[in-house]
Amino acid sequence: MKRVLLSALLTLCAATSAHAAGQAAPVTTAGSYVDMCKQATNLPAQHGGESDLKGNPKLDEYCGCFSEKFTARALKTNPNSPPPPREQTRKEEFAMRASCRNQLGLPPPPATK
């Protein structure tokens, strides 16, 4: 858990400093949430994937937005608390996806099964 959080935090810091410097944020850090988001384009949308965004020119921006939200949620998580119910996690992630898509003018995420 600490390794995932550290990786996410480092990715977020690199993205923030690159953005502040007017550079494109790095999106190829191994194990980052951005990479996971991009890999989700290979999963069917109805199963929580982002296949409908495959090849979309806004995919990098979308994955950056989702990564920031995912990282913020992860950093708020108390490691001593029991994990939330799966349905709660699914709803939170769907809301994050919908928020980022709306922010970028992308279609809403399809409902998952």
Protein backbone atom coordinates (compact mmCIF):
# COMPACT_ATOMS: atom_id res chain seq x y z
CA MET A 1 0.00 0.00 0.00
CA LYS A 2 2.80 2.41 0.90
CA ARG A 3 4.55 1.66 -2.41
CA VAL A 4 1.38 2.42 -4.39
CA LEU A 5 0.78 5.64 -2.49
CA LEU A 6 4.40 6.71 -2.89
CA SER A 7 4.30 6.00 -6.63
CA ALA A 8 1.05 7.95 -6.95
CA LEU A 9 2.42 10.83 -4.92
CA LEU A 10 5.61 10.98 -6.98
CA THR A 11 3.60 10.91 -10.20
CA LEU A 12 1.33 13.67 -8.92
CA CYS A 13 4.31 15.80 -7.83
CA ALA A 14 6.01 15.34 -11.21
CA ALA A 15 2.79 16.23 -13.02
CA THR A 16 2.24 19.29 -10.84
CA SER A 17 5.79 20.59 -11.25
CA ALA A 18 5.73 19.92 -15.00
CA HIS A 19 2.39 21.70 -15.29
CA ALA A 20 3.71 24.67 -13.31
CA ALA A 21 6.72 24.83 -15.63
CA GLY A 22 4.43 24.78 -18.67
CA GLN A 23 5.58 21.32 -19.77
CA ALA A 24 3.55 18.27 -20.57
CA ALA A 25 3.16 16.08 -17.51
CA PRO A 26 4.94 12.71 -17.67
CA VAL A 27 2.48 9.90 -18.15
CA THR A 28 4.68 6.85 -18.45
CA THR A 29 5.74 6.24 -14.84
CA ALA A 30 5.48 2.49 -14.31
CA GLY A 31 2.61 1.59 -12.03
CA SER A 32 1.04 5.04 -12.10
CA TYR A 33 -2.69 5.63 -12.12
CA VAL A 34 -2.29 7.35 -15.49
CA ASP A 35 -0.89 4.14 -16.95
CA MET A 36 -3.70 2.13 -15.38
CA CYS A 37 -6.21 4.53 -16.91
CA LYS A 38 -4.66 4.17 -20.36
CA GLN A 39 -4.61 0.39 -20.04
CA ALA A 40 -8.33 0.55 -19.22
CA THR A 41 -8.96 1.50 -22.86
CA ASN A 42 -8.45 -2.20 -23.56
CA LEU A 43 -11.37 -3.15 -21.28
CA PRO A 44 -14.99 -2.99 -22.42
CA ALA A 45 -16.73 0.15 -21.15
CA GLN A 46 -19.61 -1.81 -19.60
CA HIS A 47 -17.06 -3.53 -17.31
CA GLY A 48 -15.54 -0.29 -16.03
CA GLY A 49 -13.11 0.16 -18.88
CA GLU A 50 -12.48 3.21 -21.01
CA SER A 51 -12.63 1.54 -24.44
CA ASP A 52 -14.89 4.29 -25.75
CA LEU A 53 -11.99 6.73 -25.26
CA LYS A 54 -9.39 4.64 -27.10
CA GLY A 55 -7.63 6.90 -29.60
CA ASN A 56 -9.37 10.03 -28.27
CA PRO A 57 -7.03 13.05 -28.39
CA LYS A 58 -8.17 14.00 -24.86
CA LEU A 59 -7.22 10.63 -23.36
CA ASP A 60 -4.01 11.97 -21.77
CA GLU A 61 -5.89 14.87 -20.16
CA TYR A 62 -8.66 12.56 -19.00
CA CYS A 63 -6.23 10.08 -17.47
CA GLY A 64 -4.37 12.92 -15.75
CA CYS A 65 -7.62 14.20 -14.27
CA PHE A 66 -8.66 10.73 -13.11
CA SER A 67 -5.20 10.08 -11.69
CA GLU A 68 -5.34 13.25 -9.60
CA LYS A 69 -8.75 12.31 -8.20
CA PHE A 70 -7.73 8.69 -7.59
CA THR A 71 -4.54 9.80 -5.83
CA ALA A 72 -6.38 12.32 -3.66
CA ARG A 73 -8.84 9.62 -2.59
CA ALA A 74 -6.00 7.18 -1.87
CA LEU A 75 -4.18 9.73 0.27
CA LYS A 76 -7.32 10.33 2.35
CA THR A 77 -7.70 6.61 3.05
CA ASN A 78 -6.91 5.51 6.57
CA PRO A 79 -4.78 2.36 6.21
CA ASN A 80 -6.07 1.13 9.59
CA SER A 81 -9.72 1.24 8.51
CA PRO A 82 -11.42 -1.70 6.88
CA PRO A 83 -11.84 -1.32 3.12
CA PRO A 84 -15.12 0.21 2.00
CA PRO A 85 -17.77 -2.01 0.43
CA ARG A 86 -17.09 -2.79 -3.23
CA GLU A 87 -20.28 -1.01 -4.33
CA GLN A 88 -19.18 2.20 -2.58
CA THR A 89 -15.79 2.04 -4.31
CA ARG A 90 -17.45 1.42 -7.68
CA LYS A 91 -19.77 4.42 -7.20
CA GLU A 92 -16.89 6.70 -6.14
CA GLU A 93 -14.78 5.72 -9.14
CA PHE A 94 -17.74 6.13 -11.50
CA ALA A 95 -18.30 9.63 -10.09
CA MET A 96 -14.62 10.48 -10.60
CA ARG A 97 -14.77 9.22 -14.19
CA ALA A 98 -17.97 11.18 -14.86
CA SER A 99 -16.51 14.35 -13.35
CA CYS A 100 -13.35 14.19 -15.48
CA ARG A 101 -15.30 13.40 -18.63
CA ASN A 102 -17.66 16.30 -17.99
CA GLN A 103 -14.75 18.65 -17.28
CA LEU A 104 -13.19 17.76 -20.65
CA GLY A 105 -16.39 17.71 -22.70
CA LEU A 106 -16.27 13.94 -23.18
CA PRO A 107 -19.33 11.67 -23.22
CA PRO A 108 -20.43 10.32 -19.83
CA PRO A 109 -19.05 6.92 -18.87
CA PRO A 110 -21.25 4.00 -19.76
CA ALA A 111 -23.00 2.22 -16.89
CA THR A 112 -21.09 -0.76 -15.58
CA LYS A 113 -22.42 -4.23 -14.92
